[in-house]
C-alpha cells in the first residue's frame, strides 16, 4: 500500500480529490470526465514496463505482434497481492509483423503500429451506466490515426467476447505476462 501512496504523490493524475475520476494509482490522463477513455498523456513506451508480447499467427504465418504495457508500480503491486491495483492501465499496442531469415534462423519482428487496446482497472464501479465500463474495467480501442477518440461504444459486444476465456483471471490473459509470475 505504501507503494501506491508514493506513486500517487509522485505522479498526480490531476483529478479533483473525491471526484469519480480519482484513482489511487495515476492513470496519466487516460480517464476523462464521465469515464471517457483516452490514450495516455505523453509517450508511454519509453517509461512504462512491458508485461509481455504476443505473436499473432494466421495459418502458421506471423501476421502481427501485440506488446502490452502498464504504468510503473503495477507489476510490483500485482506480485505482492495477486491483483491489479485500482487505476492500473494496460495498453496493448497492435503492430504489423514481418518474418525473415537471419544468421540465427527465421525471426519475426514488429513493424508499423495499427492501433491500441486500453483497459483501466476500476474496482469501485465509478462510471455505472457508461458502456465503456464494466466487470471491473474500462475498455477502449484506438485506431492509429486518432489517439484521442475511442472507436469502442460498448465493451460488452466489442471487448468482453474476446476476454471470456480469461474470466477466472480478472479478464486478463496473465499467462502471457511472465513478469507477473514468480515461479
Protein backbone atom coordinates (compact mmCIF):
# COMPACT_ATOMS: atom_id res chain seq x y z
CA UNK A 1 0.00 0.00 0.00
CA UNK A 2 2.92 2.36 0.70
CA UNK A 3 3.99 1.98 -2.97
CA UNK A 4 0.56 3.11 -4.17
CA UNK A 5 0.60 6.18 -1.91
CA UNK A 6 4.09 7.02 -3.11
CA UNK A 7 3.05 6.71 -6.77
CA UNK A 8 0.03 8.93 -6.22
CA UNK A 9 2.23 11.64 -4.70
CA UNK A 10 4.94 11.43 -7.37
CA UNK A 11 2.62 11.20 -10.37
CA UNK A 12 -0.65 13.01 -9.57
CA UNK A 13 -3.44 12.37 -12.06
CA UNK A 14 -4.96 15.82 -11.89
CA UNK A 15 -8.38 14.73 -10.67
CA UNK A 16 -10.26 16.74 -8.08
CA UNK A 17 -9.97 14.87 -4.73
CA UNK A 18 -13.13 12.91 -4.03
CA UNK A 19 -14.32 13.04 -7.64
CA UNK A 20 -15.44 9.97 -9.57
CA UNK A 21 -12.21 10.20 -11.59
CA UNK A 22 -9.84 9.79 -8.67
CA UNK A 23 -7.87 6.54 -8.68
CA UNK A 24 -5.18 5.52 -6.14
CA UNK A 25 -2.78 4.73 -9.00
CA UNK A 26 -2.11 7.51 -11.53
CA UNK A 27 -3.81 6.97 -14.89
CA UNK A 28 -1.78 9.56 -16.84
CA UNK A 29 -4.77 11.32 -18.37
CA UNK A 30 -6.36 8.09 -19.62
CA UNK A 31 -9.66 8.63 -17.76
CA UNK A 32 -11.62 11.77 -18.56
CA UNK A 33 -14.92 13.28 -17.46
CA UNK A 34 -17.84 10.86 -17.11
CA UNK A 35 -15.45 7.96 -17.78
CA UNK A 36 -14.25 8.82 -21.27
CA UNK A 37 -11.08 6.88 -22.07
CA UNK A 38 -8.06 8.27 -23.92
CA UNK A 39 -4.53 7.23 -24.76
CA UNK A 40 -2.11 8.35 -22.00
CA UNK A 41 -0.53 11.77 -21.93
CA UNK A 42 2.99 11.65 -23.33
CA UNK A 43 4.98 8.74 -24.71
CA UNK A 44 4.31 5.67 -22.59
CA UNK A 45 6.68 3.27 -24.43
CA UNK A 46 9.84 4.81 -23.00
CA UNK A 47 8.78 4.80 -19.35
CA UNK A 48 6.15 2.07 -18.85
CA UNK A 49 7.27 -1.52 -18.25
CA UNK A 50 6.28 -4.27 -20.68
CA UNK A 51 4.04 -7.02 -19.29
CA UNK A 52 4.55 -9.29 -22.28
CA UNK A 53 4.42 -9.73 -26.03
CA UNK A 54 2.08 -11.87 -28.12
CA UNK A 55 2.84 -13.12 -31.63
CA UNK A 56 -0.20 -13.35 -33.86
CA UNK A 57 -0.34 -16.21 -36.38
CA UNK A 58 -2.66 -16.77 -39.31
CA UNK A 59 -2.41 -20.28 -40.77
CA UNK A 60 1.11 -20.58 -39.34
CA UNK A 61 2.30 -17.25 -40.73
CA UNK A 62 3.27 -14.39 -38.42
CA UNK A 63 0.89 -11.52 -39.11
CA UNK A 64 1.32 -9.28 -36.07
CA UNK A 65 2.65 -8.69 -32.63
CA UNK A 66 0.95 -7.26 -29.57
CA UNK A 67 3.08 -5.58 -26.90
CA UNK A 68 1.35 -4.94 -23.56
CA UNK A 69 2.46 -2.10 -21.27
CA UNK A 70 1.41 -0.90 -17.82
CA UNK A 71 2.39 2.09 -15.74
CA UNK A 72 5.21 1.95 -13.15
CA UNK A 73 4.31 0.23 -9.87
CA UNK A 74 1.59 -2.04 -11.23
CA UNK A 75 3.82 -5.11 -11.61
CA UNK A 76 5.12 -4.77 -8.04
CA UNK A 77 1.56 -4.43 -6.71
CA UNK A 78 0.42 -7.49 -8.66
CA UNK A 79 3.35 -9.56 -7.36
CA UNK A 80 2.51 -8.51 -3.76
CA UNK A 81 -1.26 -9.01 -3.93
CA UNK A 82 -2.11 -11.13 -6.98
CA UNK A 83 -4.44 -8.38 -8.24
CA UNK A 84 -4.21 -5.29 -10.40
CA UNK A 85 -4.48 -2.08 -8.37
CA UNK A 86 -7.41 0.27 -8.81
CA UNK A 87 -6.41 2.62 -11.65
CA UNK A 88 -3.99 0.22 -13.34
CA UNK A 89 -3.79 0.94 -17.07
CA UNK A 90 -2.96 -1.82 -19.55
CA UNK A 91 -2.19 -0.81 -23.12
CA UNK A 92 -1.97 -3.46 -25.83
CA UNK A 93 -0.16 -1.97 -28.80
CA UNK A 94 -1.02 -3.74 -32.06
CA UNK A 95 1.78 -3.97 -34.61
CA UNK A 96 2.16 -5.50 -38.03
CA UNK A 97 4.99 -8.01 -38.26
CA UNK A 98 7.31 -9.49 -40.84
CA UNK A 99 9.50 -12.57 -40.79
CA UNK A 100 12.88 -13.02 -42.41
CA UNK A 101 15.90 -15.30 -42.38
CA UNK A 102 18.78 -14.30 -40.12
CA UNK A 103 22.02 -15.98 -39.09
CA UNK A 104 20.19 -17.34 -36.03
CA UNK A 105 17.26 -18.68 -38.08
CA UNK A 106 13.85 -17.39 -39.09
CA UNK A 107 12.75 -14.48 -36.91
CA UNK A 108 9.68 -12.24 -36.79
CA UNK A 109 9.85 -8.58 -35.90
CA UNK A 110 7.32 -5.82 -35.34
CA UNK A 111 6.86 -3.06 -37.90
CA UNK A 112 4.05 -0.46 -38.03
CA UNK A 113 1.59 0.31 -35.22
CA UNK A 114 -2.03 -0.31 -36.25
CA UNK A 115 -3.87 0.61 -33.02
CA UNK A 116 -4.17 0.21 -29.26
CA UNK A 117 -6.47 -1.51 -26.80
CA UNK A 118 -6.66 0.23 -23.41
CA UNK A 119 -8.03 -1.20 -20.17
CA UNK A 120 -8.30 0.66 -16.84
CA UNK A 121 -8.91 -1.24 -13.59
CA UNK A 122 -11.97 0.13 -11.76
CA UNK A 123 -12.63 -1.69 -8.51
CA UNK A 124 -15.27 0.84 -7.43
CA UNK A 125 -17.61 0.89 -10.47
CA UNK A 126 -17.20 4.66 -10.79
CA UNK A 127 -18.90 5.00 -14.17
CA UNK A 128 -22.10 2.99 -13.84
CA UNK A 129 -24.19 3.44 -16.98
CA UNK A 130 -21.18 4.20 -19.21
CA UNK A 131 -20.92 1.42 -21.83
CA UNK A 132 -17.10 1.56 -21.80
CA UNK A 133 -17.01 0.39 -18.17
CA UNK A 134 -17.95 -2.92 -16.59
CA UNK A 135 -16.67 -6.12 -15.00
CA UNK A 136 -14.17 -4.07 -13.01
CA UNK A 137 -12.51 -2.47 -16.06
CA UNK A 138 -12.78 0.38 -18.53
CA UNK A 139 -12.39 -0.88 -22.11
CA UNK A 140 -11.45 1.02 -25.29
CA UNK A 141 -9.83 0.66 -28.72
CA UNK A 142 -7.99 3.42 -30.60
CA UNK A 143 -7.15 3.48 -34.28
CA UNK A 144 -3.60 4.54 -35.11
CA UNK A 145 -4.89 7.75 -36.73
CA UNK A 146 -6.75 9.01 -33.63
CA UNK A 147 -5.21 8.61 -30.18
CA UNK A 148 -7.91 10.71 -28.50
CA UNK A 149 -11.22 9.18 -29.62
CA UNK A 150 -12.06 5.57 -28.94
CA UNK A 151 -13.96 3.66 -31.59
CA UNK A 152 -15.45 1.44 -28.88
CA UNK A 153 -19.05 2.15 -28.00
CA UNK A 154 -19.97 -0.88 -25.85
CA UNK A 155 -17.40 -3.16 -24.20
CA UNK A 156 -19.96 -5.99 -23.83
CA UNK A 157 -20.03 -6.57 -27.59
CA UNK A 158 -16.68 -5.20 -28.74
CA UNK A 159 -14.26 -6.29 -25.98
CA UNK A 160 -15.72 -8.77 -23.48
CA UNK A 161 -16.31 -11.56 -26.01
CA UNK A 162 -12.57 -11.95 -26.65
CA UNK A 163 -11.83 -11.95 -22.90
CA UNK A 164 -14.35 -14.62 -21.81
CA UNK A 165 -11.62 -17.33 -21.65
CA UNK A 166 -9.77 -15.10 -19.13
CA UNK A 167 -12.77 -14.54 -16.84
CA UNK A 168 -11.16 -16.51 -13.98
CA UNK A 169 -8.07 -14.26 -14.05
CA UNK A 170 -9.92 -10.92 -13.87
CA UNK A 171 -10.47 -10.85 -17.65
CA UNK A 172 -6.70 -10.65 -18.31
CA UNK A 173 -4.66 -13.35 -20.08
CA UNK A 174 -1.96 -13.34 -17.41
CA UNK A 175 -0.29 -16.47 -18.80
CA UNK A 176 1.24 -14.22 -21.47
CA UNK A 177 2.87 -11.90 -18.92
CA UNK A 178 5.96 -13.59 -17.47
CA UNK A 179 6.77 -10.62 -15.19
CA UNK A 180 3.58 -11.41 -13.20
CA UNK A 181 4.77 -14.91 -12.32
CA UNK A 182 7.21 -15.61 -9.52
CA UNK A 183 7.88 -19.29 -10.34
